[in-house]
Amino acid sequence: QEIILMGAGRTDAGVHAKELYAHFDFGEIPQKDNFVFRLNSFLPK
């Protein structure tokens, strides 16, 4: 499903983030226990 994120703030090109938050709306997340692991597998290093 198309997910739109609202971030806590912007960072400029080349700036890093050790901790940042964003929110999104969705129903019940399937397989919640390993959702973070699965999401990270879709993301670059």
All heavy atoms as atom14 arrays in JSON, in Angstrom:
{
  "sequence": "QEIILMGAGRTDAGVHAKELYAHFDFGEIPQKDNFVFRLNSFLPK",
  "atom14_mask": [
    [1, 1, 1, 1, 1, 1, 1, 1, 1, 0, 0, 0, 0, 0],
    [1, 1, 1, 1, 1, 1, 1, 1, 1, 0, 0, 0, 0, 0],
    [1, 1, 1, 1, 1, 1, 1, 1, 0, 0, 0, 0, 0, 0],
    [1, 1, 1, 1, 1, 1, 1, 1, 0, 0, 0, 0, 0, 0],
    [1, 1, 1, 1, 1, 1, 1, 1, 0, 0, 0, 0, 0, 0],
    [1, 1, 1, 1, 1, 1, 1, 1, 0, 0, 0, 0, 0, 0],
    [1, 1, 1, 1, 0, 0, 0, 0, 0, 0, 0, 0, 0, 0],
    [1, 1, 1, 1, 1, 0, 0, 0, 0, 0, 0, 0, 0, 0],
    [1, 1, 1, 1, 0, 0, 0, 0, 0, 0, 0, 0, 0, 0],
    [1, 1, 1, 1, 1, 1, 1, 1, 1, 1, 1, 0, 0, 0],
    [1, 1, 1, 1, 1, 1, 1, 0, 0, 0, 0, 0, 0, 0],
    [1, 1, 1, 1, 1, 1, 1, 1, 0, 0, 0, 0, 0, 0],
    [1, 1, 1, 1, 1, 0, 0, 0, 0, 0, 0, 0, 0, 0],
    [1, 1, 1, 1, 0, 0, 0, 0, 0, 0, 0, 0, 0, 0],
    [1, 1, 1, 1, 1, 1, 1, 0, 0, 0, 0, 0, 0, 0],
    [1, 1, 1, 1, 1, 1, 1, 1, 1, 1, 0, 0, 0, 0],
    [1, 1, 1, 1, 1, 0, 0, 0, 0, 0, 0, 0, 0, 0],
    [1, 1, 1, 1, 1, 1, 1, 1, 1, 0, 0, 0, 0, 0],
    [1, 1, 1, 1, 1, 1, 1, 1, 1, 0, 0, 0, 0, 0],
    [1, 1, 1, 1, 1, 1, 1, 1, 0, 0, 0, 0, 0, 0],
    [1, 1, 1, 1, 1, 1, 1, 1, 1, 1, 1, 1, 0, 0],
    [1, 1, 1, 1, 1, 0, 0, 0, 0, 0, 0, 0, 0, 0],
    [1, 1, 1, 1, 1, 1, 1, 1, 1, 1, 0, 0, 0, 0],
    [1, 1, 1, 1, 1, 1, 1, 1, 1, 1, 1, 0, 0, 0],
    [1, 1, 1, 1, 1, 1, 1, 1, 0, 0, 0, 0, 0, 0],
    [1, 1, 1, 1, 1, 1, 1, 1, 1, 1, 1, 0, 0, 0],
    [1, 1, 1, 1, 0, 0, 0, 0, 0, 0, 0, 0, 0, 0],
    [1, 1, 1, 1, 1, 1, 1, 1, 1, 0, 0, 0, 0, 0],
    [1, 1, 1, 1, 1, 1, 1, 1, 0, 0, 0, 0, 0, 0],
    [1, 1, 1, 1, 1, 1, 1, 0, 0, 0, 0, 0, 0, 0],
    [1, 1, 1, 1, 1, 1, 1, 1, 1, 0, 0, 0, 0, 0],
    [1, 1, 1, 1, 1, 1, 1, 1, 1, 0, 0, 0, 0, 0],
    [1, 1, 1, 1, 1, 1, 1, 1, 0, 0, 0, 0, 0, 0],
    [1, 1, 1, 1, 1, 1, 1, 1, 0, 0, 0, 0, 0, 0],
    [1, 1, 1, 1, 1, 1, 1, 1, 1, 1, 1, 0, 0, 0],
    [1, 1, 1, 1, 1, 1, 1, 0, 0, 0, 0, 0, 0, 0],
    [1, 1, 1, 1, 1, 1, 1, 1, 1, 1, 1, 0, 0, 0],
    [1, 1, 1, 1, 1, 1, 1, 1, 1, 1, 1, 0, 0, 0],
    [1, 1, 1, 1, 1, 1, 1, 1, 0, 0, 0, 0, 0, 0],
    [1, 1, 1, 1, 1, 1, 1, 1, 0, 0, 0, 0, 0, 0],
    [1, 1, 1, 1, 1, 1, 0, 0, 0, 0, 0, 0, 0, 0],
    [1, 1, 1, 1, 1, 1, 1, 1, 1, 1, 1, 0, 0, 0],
    [1, 1, 1, 1, 1, 1, 1, 1, 0, 0, 0, 0, 0, 0],
    [1, 1, 1, 1, 1, 1, 1, 0, 0, 0, 0, 0, 0, 0],
    [1, 1, 1, 1, 1, 1, 1, 1, 1, 0, 0, 0, 0, 0]
  ],
  "atom14_positions": [
    [[0.86, -1.18, 0.0], [0.0, 0.0, 0.0], [0.9, 1.23, 0.0], [1.98, 1.22, 0.59], [-0.88, -0.01, 1.26], [-1.78, 1.2, 1.41], [-2.61, 1.15, 2.68], [-3.17, 0.12, 3.04], [-2.67, 2.27, 3.39], [0.0, 0.0, 0.0], [0.0, 0.0, 0.0], [0.0, 0.0, 0.0], [0.0, 0.0, 0.0], [0.0, 0.0, 0.0]],
    [[0.45, 2.28, -0.68], [1.27, 3.49, -0.69], [1.35, 4.09, 0.71], [0.34, 4.37, 1.34], [0.71, 4.53, -1.66], [1.6, 5.77, -1.76], [1.05, 6.85, -2.67], [-0.15, 6.77, -3.05], [1.8, 7.78, -3.01], [0.0, 0.0, 0.0], [0.0, 0.0, 0.0], [0.0, 0.0, 0.0], [0.0, 0.0, 0.0], [0.0, 0.0, 0.0]],
    [[2.59, 4.27, 1.18], [2.82, 4.84, 2.51], [3.47, 6.21, 2.36], [4.45, 6.37, 1.64], [3.73, 3.93, 3.35], [3.09, 2.55, 3.55], [4.06, 4.58, 4.69], [1.78, 2.56, 4.32], [0.0, 0.0, 0.0], [0.0, 0.0, 0.0], [0.0, 0.0, 0.0], [0.0, 0.0, 0.0], [0.0, 0.0, 0.0], [0.0, 0.0, 0.0]],
    [[2.9, 7.2, 3.04], [3.46, 8.55, 3.05], [3.98, 8.84, 4.46], [3.25, 8.68, 5.44], [2.4, 9.6, 2.67], [1.77, 9.27, 1.3], [3.02, 10.99, 2.67], [2.75, 9.3, 0.15], [0.0, 0.0, 0.0], [0.0, 0.0, 0.0], [0.0, 0.0, 0.0], [0.0, 0.0, 0.0], [0.0, 0.0, 0.0], [0.0, 0.0, 0.0]],
    [[5.21, 9.26, 4.54], [5.84, 9.56, 5.83], [5.83, 11.06, 6.11], [6.05, 11.87, 5.21], [7.28, 9.07, 5.85], [7.51, 7.55, 5.86], [8.98, 7.24, 5.63], [7.03, 6.94, 7.17], [0.0, 0.0, 0.0], [0.0, 0.0, 0.0], [0.0, 0.0, 0.0], [0.0, 0.0, 0.0], [0.0, 0.0, 0.0], [0.0, 0.0, 0.0]],
    [[5.64, 11.42, 7.37], [5.81, 12.78, 7.84], [6.97, 12.77, 8.82], [6.88, 12.17, 9.89], [4.54, 13.3, 8.51], [4.72, 14.63, 9.26], [5.35, 15.99, 8.24], [3.92, 16.3, 7.19], [0.0, 0.0, 0.0], [0.0, 0.0, 0.0], [0.0, 0.0, 0.0], [0.0, 0.0, 0.0], [0.0, 0.0, 0.0], [0.0, 0.0, 0.0]],
    [[8.08, 13.4, 8.46], [9.27, 13.37, 9.3], [9.26, 14.42, 10.39], [8.54, 15.41, 10.32], [0.0, 0.0, 0.0], [0.0, 0.0, 0.0], [0.0, 0.0, 0.0], [0.0, 0.0, 0.0], [0.0, 0.0, 0.0], [0.0, 0.0, 0.0], [0.0, 0.0, 0.0], [0.0, 0.0, 0.0], [0.0, 0.0, 0.0], [0.0, 0.0, 0.0]],
    [[10.1, 14.19, 11.39], [10.23, 15.14, 12.5], [10.89, 16.43, 12.06], [10.78, 17.46, 12.71], [11.03, 14.51, 13.63], [0.0, 0.0, 0.0], [0.0, 0.0, 0.0], [0.0, 0.0, 0.0], [0.0, 0.0, 0.0], [0.0, 0.0, 0.0], [0.0, 0.0, 0.0], [0.0, 0.0, 0.0], [0.0, 0.0, 0.0], [0.0, 0.0, 0.0]],
    [[11.59, 16.38, 10.94], [12.27, 17.56, 10.42], [13.01, 17.2, 9.16], [13.04, 16.04, 8.74], [0.0, 0.0, 0.0], [0.0, 0.0, 0.0], [0.0, 0.0, 0.0], [0.0, 0.0, 0.0], [0.0, 0.0, 0.0], [0.0, 0.0, 0.0], [0.0, 0.0, 0.0], [0.0, 0.0, 0.0], [0.0, 0.0, 0.0], [0.0, 0.0, 0.0]],
    [[13.62, 18.21, 8.55], [14.39, 17.99, 7.32], [15.87, 18.0, 7.63], [16.32, 18.68, 8.55], [14.12, 19.11, 6.31], [12.67, 19.29, 5.94], [12.53, 20.53, 5.07], [11.15, 20.79, 4.69], [10.76, 21.85, 3.99], [11.66, 22.76, 3.63], [9.5, 22.02, 3.68], [0.0, 0.0, 0.0], [0.0, 0.0, 0.0], [0.0, 0.0, 0.0]],
    [[16.63, 17.24, 6.85], [18.08, 17.41, 6.86], [18.5, 17.72, 5.43], [17.9, 17.22, 4.47], [18.81, 16.14, 7.35], [18.42, 15.01, 6.55], [18.52, 15.86, 8.82], [0.0, 0.0, 0.0], [0.0, 0.0, 0.0], [0.0, 0.0, 0.0], [0.0, 0.0, 0.0], [0.0, 0.0, 0.0], [0.0, 0.0, 0.0], [0.0, 0.0, 0.0]],
    [[19.53, 18.55, 5.29], [20.01, 18.94, 3.96], [20.8, 17.8, 3.31], [21.15, 16.81, 3.96], [20.9, 20.18, 4.07], [20.14, 21.42, 4.49], [18.92, 21.47, 4.25], [20.77, 22.34, 5.05], [0.0, 0.0, 0.0], [0.0, 0.0, 0.0], [0.0, 0.0, 0.0], [0.0, 0.0, 0.0], [0.0, 0.0, 0.0], [0.0, 0.0, 0.0]],
    [[21.1, 17.98, 2.03], [21.89, 17.0, 1.29], [23.22, 16.74, 2.01], [23.91, 17.68, 2.4], [22.15, 17.5, -0.12], [0.0, 0.0, 0.0], [0.0, 0.0, 0.0], [0.0, 0.0, 0.0], [0.0, 0.0, 0.0], [0.0, 0.0, 0.0], [0.0, 0.0, 0.0], [0.0, 0.0, 0.0], [0.0, 0.0, 0.0], [0.0, 0.0, 0.0]],
    [[23.54, 15.47, 2.21], [24.81, 15.09, 2.81], [24.83, 15.06, 4.32], [25.81, 14.6, 4.92], [0.0, 0.0, 0.0], [0.0, 0.0, 0.0], [0.0, 0.0, 0.0], [0.0, 0.0, 0.0], [0.0, 0.0, 0.0], [0.0, 0.0, 0.0], [0.0, 0.0, 0.0], [0.0, 0.0, 0.0], [0.0, 0.0, 0.0], [0.0, 0.0, 0.0]],
    [[23.77, 15.54, 4.98], [23.71, 15.54, 6.45], [23.24, 14.16, 6.92], [22.47, 13.49, 6.26], [22.75, 16.64, 6.95], [22.57, 16.56, 8.47], [23.29, 18.02, 6.56], [0.0, 0.0, 0.0], [0.0, 0.0, 0.0], [0.0, 0.0, 0.0], [0.0, 0.0, 0.0], [0.0, 0.0, 0.0], [0.0, 0.0, 0.0], [0.0, 0.0, 0.0]],
    [[23.74, 13.76, 8.09], [23.44, 12.43, 8.63], [22.43, 12.52, 9.79], [22.24, 13.59, 10.37], [24.72, 11.77, 9.14], [25.92, 12.03, 8.28], [26.03, 11.53, 7.0], [27.04, 12.78, 8.5], [27.19, 11.94, 6.47], [27.8, 12.71, 7.36], [0.0, 0.0, 0.0], [0.0, 0.0, 0.0], [0.0, 0.0, 0.0], [0.0, 0.0, 0.0]],
    [[21.84, 11.38, 10.12], [20.93, 11.32, 11.27], [21.2, 10.05, 12.06], [21.11, 8.94, 11.51], [19.48, 11.35, 10.83], [0.0, 0.0, 0.0], [0.0, 0.0, 0.0], [0.0, 0.0, 0.0], [0.0, 0.0, 0.0], [0.0, 0.0, 0.0], [0.0, 0.0, 0.0], [0.0, 0.0, 0.0], [0.0, 0.0, 0.0], [0.0, 0.0, 0.0]],
    [[21.56, 10.22, 13.33], [21.72, 9.06, 14.22], [20.38, 8.65, 14.79], [20.19, 7.49, 15.19], [22.68, 9.39, 15.35], [24.12, 9.59, 14.89], [25.04, 9.8, 16.09], [26.48, 9.93, 15.65], [27.4, 10.08, 16.81], [0.0, 0.0, 0.0], [0.0, 0.0, 0.0], [0.0, 0.0, 0.0], [0.0, 0.0, 0.0], [0.0, 0.0, 0.0]],
    [[19.45, 9.6, 14.86], [18.1, 9.29, 15.32], [17.12, 10.29, 14.7], [17.27, 11.49, 14.86], [18.0, 9.37, 16.84], [16.58, 9.12, 17.36], [16.48, 9.2, 18.88], [16.37, 10.31, 19.41], [16.52, 8.13, 19.51], [0.0, 0.0, 0.0], [0.0, 0.0, 0.0], [0.0, 0.0, 0.0], [0.0, 0.0, 0.0], [0.0, 0.0, 0.0]],
    [[16.15, 9.75, 14.0], [15.09, 10.58, 13.44], [13.8, 9.78, 13.49], [13.81, 8.54, 13.44], [15.42, 10.98, 11.99], [14.48, 11.98, 11.31], [14.34, 13.27, 12.12], [14.98, 12.32, 9.91], [0.0, 0.0, 0.0], [0.0, 0.0, 0.0], [0.0, 0.0, 0.0], [0.0, 0.0, 0.0], [0.0, 0.0, 0.0], [0.0, 0.0, 0.0]],
    [[12.69, 10.5, 13.61], [11.37, 9.85, 13.66], [10.51, 10.36, 12.51], [10.67, 11.49, 12.04], [10.65, 10.18, 14.97], [11.22, 9.53, 16.2], [12.26, 10.12, 16.89], [10.7, 8.33, 16.68], [12.78, 9.54, 18.04], [11.21, 7.74, 17.82], [12.25, 8.34, 18.5], [12.76, 7.76, 19.64], [0.0, 0.0, 0.0], [0.0, 0.0, 0.0]],
    [[9.58, 9.52, 12.09], [8.54, 9.91, 11.15], [7.29, 9.13, 11.52], [7.36, 8.13, 12.23], [8.95, 9.6, 9.71], [0.0, 0.0, 0.0], [0.0, 0.0, 0.0], [0.0, 0.0, 0.0], [0.0, 0.0, 0.0], [0.0, 0.0, 0.0], [0.0, 0.0, 0.0], [0.0, 0.0, 0.0], [0.0, 0.0, 0.0], [0.0, 0.0, 0.0]],
    [[6.13, 9.61, 11.05], [4.91, 8.85, 11.31], [4.21, 8.5, 10.01], [4.4, 9.15, 8.99], [3.97, 9.58, 12.29], [3.23, 10.75, 11.71], [3.47, 12.06, 12.06], [2.21, 10.8, 10.79], [2.66, 12.86, 11.4], [1.88, 12.12, 10.63], [0.0, 0.0, 0.0], [0.0, 0.0, 0.0], [0.0, 0.0, 0.0], [0.0, 0.0, 0.0]],
    [[3.39, 7.43, 10.07], [2.57, 7.03, 8.93], [1.33, 6.33, 9.46], [1.28, 5.88, 10.61], [3.34, 6.12, 7.96], [3.71, 4.77, 8.51], [2.9, 3.66, 8.3], [4.88, 4.6, 9.25], [3.24, 2.4, 8.8], [5.24, 3.36, 9.75], [4.42, 2.26, 9.53], [0.0, 0.0, 0.0], [0.0, 0.0, 0.0], [0.0, 0.0, 0.0]],
    [[0.3, 6.29, 8.62], [-0.96, 5.66, 8.99], [-1.15, 4.36, 8.22], [-0.89, 4.29, 7.01], [-2.13, 6.6, 8.71], [-2.08, 7.87, 9.56], [-1.63, 7.78, 10.72], [-2.47, 8.94, 9.07], [0.0, 0.0, 0.0], [0.0, 0.0, 0.0], [0.0, 0.0, 0.0], [0.0, 0.0, 0.0], [0.0, 0.0, 0.0], [0.0, 0.0, 0.0]],
    [[-1.6, 3.34, 8.96], [-1.83, 2.02, 8.35], [-2.71, 1.22, 9.3], [-2.89, 1.6, 10.46], [-0.48, 1.31, 8.13], [-0.59, 0.03, 7.34], [-0.82, 0.06, 5.97], [-0.46, -1.2, 7.96], [-0.93, -1.12, 5.24], [-0.57, -2.38, 7.24], [-0.8, -2.34, 5.87], [0.0, 0.0, 0.0], [0.0, 0.0, 0.0], [0.0, 0.0, 0.0]],
    [[-3.24, 0.12, 8.8], [-4.04, -0.77, 9.65], [-3.14, -1.64, 10.5], [-2.06, -1.23, 10.93], [0.0, 0.0, 0.0], [0.0, 0.0, 0.0], [0.0, 0.0, 0.0], [0.0, 0.0, 0.0], [0.0, 0.0, 0.0], [0.0, 0.0, 0.0], [0.0, 0.0, 0.0], [0.0, 0.0, 0.0], [0.0, 0.0, 0.0], [0.0, 0.0, 0.0]],
    [[-3.55, -2.87, 10.74], [-2.76, -3.8, 11.55], [-1.55, -4.27, 10.73], [-1.7, -4.77, 9.61], [-3.6, -5.01, 11.95], [-2.95, -5.91, 12.97], [-2.94, -5.31, 14.36], [-3.91, -4.61, 14.71], [-1.97, -5.54, 15.09], [0.0, 0.0, 0.0], [0.0, 0.0, 0.0], [0.0, 0.0, 0.0], [0.0, 0.0, 0.0], [0.0, 0.0, 0.0]],
    [[-0.36, -4.08, 11.26], [0.86, -4.51, 10.56], [1.01, -6.02, 10.66], [1.0, -6.58, 11.77], [2.12, -3.83, 11.14], [2.11, -2.34, 10.78], [3.4, -4.48, 10.64], [3.3, -1.55, 11.28], [0.0, 0.0, 0.0], [0.0, 0.0, 0.0], [0.0, 0.0, 0.0], [0.0, 0.0, 0.0], [0.0, 0.0, 0.0], [0.0, 0.0, 0.0]],
    [[1.11, -6.7, 9.53], [1.26, -8.16, 9.56], [2.63, -8.57, 10.09], [3.63, -7.88, 9.86], [1.1, -8.56, 8.08], [1.51, -7.35, 7.31], [1.1, -6.17, 8.15], [0.0, 0.0, 0.0], [0.0, 0.0, 0.0], [0.0, 0.0, 0.0], [0.0, 0.0, 0.0], [0.0, 0.0, 0.0], [0.0, 0.0, 0.0], [0.0, 0.0, 0.0]],
    [[2.68, -9.68, 10.81], [3.94, -10.21, 11.35], [4.74, -9.11, 12.06], [5.92, -8.9, 11.79], [4.78, -10.85, 10.23], [4.08, -11.94, 9.46], [4.93, -12.46, 8.32], [6.09, -12.83, 8.5], [4.36, -12.48, 7.12], [0.0, 0.0, 0.0], [0.0, 0.0, 0.0], [0.0, 0.0, 0.0], [0.0, 0.0, 0.0], [0.0, 0.0, 0.0]],
    [[4.07, -8.45, 13.0], [4.67, -7.29, 13.67], [6.0, -7.61, 14.35], [6.9, -6.79, 14.4], [3.67, -6.75, 14.71], [4.16, -5.57, 15.54], [4.31, -4.29, 14.72], [4.51, -3.06, 15.58], [5.71, -3.08, 16.41], [0.0, 0.0, 0.0], [0.0, 0.0, 0.0], [0.0, 0.0, 0.0], [0.0, 0.0, 0.0], [0.0, 0.0, 0.0]],
    [[6.13, -8.85, 14.87], [7.31, -9.19, 15.65], [8.61, -9.09, 14.85], [9.65, -8.75, 15.4], [7.19, -10.6, 16.24], [6.14, -10.67, 17.35], [5.74, -9.59, 17.83], [5.72, -11.78, 17.71], [0.0, 0.0, 0.0], [0.0, 0.0, 0.0], [0.0, 0.0, 0.0], [0.0, 0.0, 0.0], [0.0, 0.0, 0.0], [0.0, 0.0, 0.0]],
    [[8.55, -9.4, 13.56], [9.78, -9.31, 12.76], [9.67, -8.27, 11.65], [10.4, -8.33, 10.66], [10.15, -10.69, 12.18], [9.18, -11.15, 11.09], [8.09, -10.59, 10.97], [9.58, -12.14, 10.32], [0.0, 0.0, 0.0], [0.0, 0.0, 0.0], [0.0, 0.0, 0.0], [0.0, 0.0, 0.0], [0.0, 0.0, 0.0], [0.0, 0.0, 0.0]],
    [[8.76, -7.29, 11.86], [8.54, -6.28, 10.84], [9.79, -5.42, 10.61], [10.15, -5.12, 9.48], [7.35, -5.39, 11.21], [7.04, -4.34, 10.19], [6.45, -4.67, 8.97], [7.35, -3.0, 10.41], [6.17, -3.72, 8.01], [7.08, -2.03, 9.46], [6.48, -2.39, 8.25], [0.0, 0.0, 0.0], [0.0, 0.0, 0.0], [0.0, 0.0, 0.0]],
    [[10.45, -5.02, 11.67], [11.65, -4.18, 11.54], [12.73, -4.93, 10.77], [13.4, -4.35, 9.89], [12.17, -3.74, 12.93], [13.53, -3.06, 12.81], [11.18, -2.78, 13.57], [0.0, 0.0, 0.0], [0.0, 0.0, 0.0], [0.0, 0.0, 0.0], [0.0, 0.0, 0.0], [0.0, 0.0, 0.0], [0.0, 0.0, 0.0], [0.0, 0.0, 0.0]],
    [[12.91, -6.21, 11.07], [13.91, -7.02, 10.36], [13.58, -7.07, 8.87], [14.46, -6.9, 8.01], [13.95, -8.43, 10.95], [14.85, -9.36, 10.2], [16.22, -9.37, 10.4], [14.32, -10.25, 9.25], [17.06, -10.22, 9.7], [15.14, -11.1, 8.54], [16.51, -11.1, 8.77], [0.0, 0.0, 0.0], [0.0, 0.0, 0.0], [0.0, 0.0, 0.0]],
    [[12.31, -7.32, 8.56], [11.91, -7.41, 7.15], [12.06, -6.06, 6.44], [12.51, -6.0, 5.29], [10.47, -7.91, 7.04], [10.33, -9.39, 7.4], [8.91, -9.91, 7.18], [7.97, -9.32, 8.12], [6.81, -8.79, 7.79], [6.42, -8.73, 6.53], [6.0, -8.29, 8.72], [0.0, 0.0, 0.0], [0.0, 0.0, 0.0], [0.0, 0.0, 0.0]],
    [[11.7, -4.98, 7.13], [11.82, -3.65, 6.53], [13.28, -3.33, 6.22], [13.6, -2.81, 5.15], [11.23, -2.6, 7.48], [11.3, -1.14, 7.03], [10.68, -0.94, 5.66], [10.63, -0.24, 8.06], [0.0, 0.0, 0.0], [0.0, 0.0, 0.0], [0.0, 0.0, 0.0], [0.0, 0.0, 0.0], [0.0, 0.0, 0.0], [0.0, 0.0, 0.0]],
    [[14.17, -3.64, 7.15], [15.59, -3.37, 6.92], [16.15, -4.15, 5.74], [17.08, -3.68, 5.07], [16.41, -3.67, 8.19], [16.39, -2.51, 9.17], [16.54, -1.36, 8.77], [16.21, -2.8, 10.45], [0.0, 0.0, 0.0], [0.0, 0.0, 0.0], [0.0, 0.0, 0.0], [0.0, 0.0, 0.0], [0.0, 0.0, 0.0], [0.0, 0.0, 0.0]],
    [[15.58, -5.3, 5.46], [16.06, -6.09, 4.31], [15.7, -5.43, 2.98], [16.3, -5.73, 1.95], [15.49, -7.51, 4.37], [14.08, -7.51, 4.1], [0.0, 0.0, 0.0], [0.0, 0.0, 0.0], [0.0, 0.0, 0.0], [0.0, 0.0, 0.0], [0.0, 0.0, 0.0], [0.0, 0.0, 0.0], [0.0, 0.0, 0.0], [0.0, 0.0, 0.0]],
    [[14.73, -4.5, 3.0], [14.33, -3.76, 1.81], [15.15, -2.48, 1.64], [15.03, -1.8, 0.62], [12.85, -3.39, 1.87], [11.91, -4.48, 1.46], [11.61, -5.54, 2.32], [11.3, -4.48, 0.21], [10.75, -6.55, 1.95], [10.42, -5.48, -0.17], [10.15, -6.52, 0.7], [0.0, 0.0, 0.0], [0.0, 0.0, 0.0], [0.0, 0.0, 0.0]],
    [[15.93, -2.14, 2.65], [16.64, -0.85, 2.65], [18.12, -1.01, 2.34], [18.71, -2.05, 2.65], [16.48, -0.18, 4.03], [15.07, 0.28, 4.39], [15.01, 0.64, 5.87], [14.65, 1.47, 3.53], [0.0, 0.0, 0.0], [0.0, 0.0, 0.0], [0.0, 0.0, 0.0], [0.0, 0.0, 0.0], [0.0, 0.0, 0.0], [0.0, 0.0, 0.0]],
    [[18.74, 0.04, 1.78], [20.19, -0.01, 1.54], [20.96, 0.02, 2.86], [20.39, 0.31, 3.93], [20.45, 1.26, 0.72], [19.31, 2.17, 1.05], [18.14, 1.29, 1.3], [0.0, 0.0, 0.0], [0.0, 0.0, 0.0], [0.0, 0.0, 0.0], [0.0, 0.0, 0.0], [0.0, 0.0, 0.0], [0.0, 0.0, 0.0], [0.0, 0.0, 0.0]],
    [[22.26, -0.26, 2.79], [23.06, -0.39, 3.99], [23.2, 0.91, 4.77], [23.49, 0.89, 5.97], [24.45, -0.92, 3.64], [24.43, -2.35, 3.11], [25.83, -2.81, 2.73], [25.8, -4.23, 2.21], [27.17, -4.7, 1.82], [0.0, 0.0, 0.0], [0.0, 0.0, 0.0], [0.0, 0.0, 0.0], [0.0, 0.0, 0.0], [0.0, 0.0, 0.0]]
  ]
}
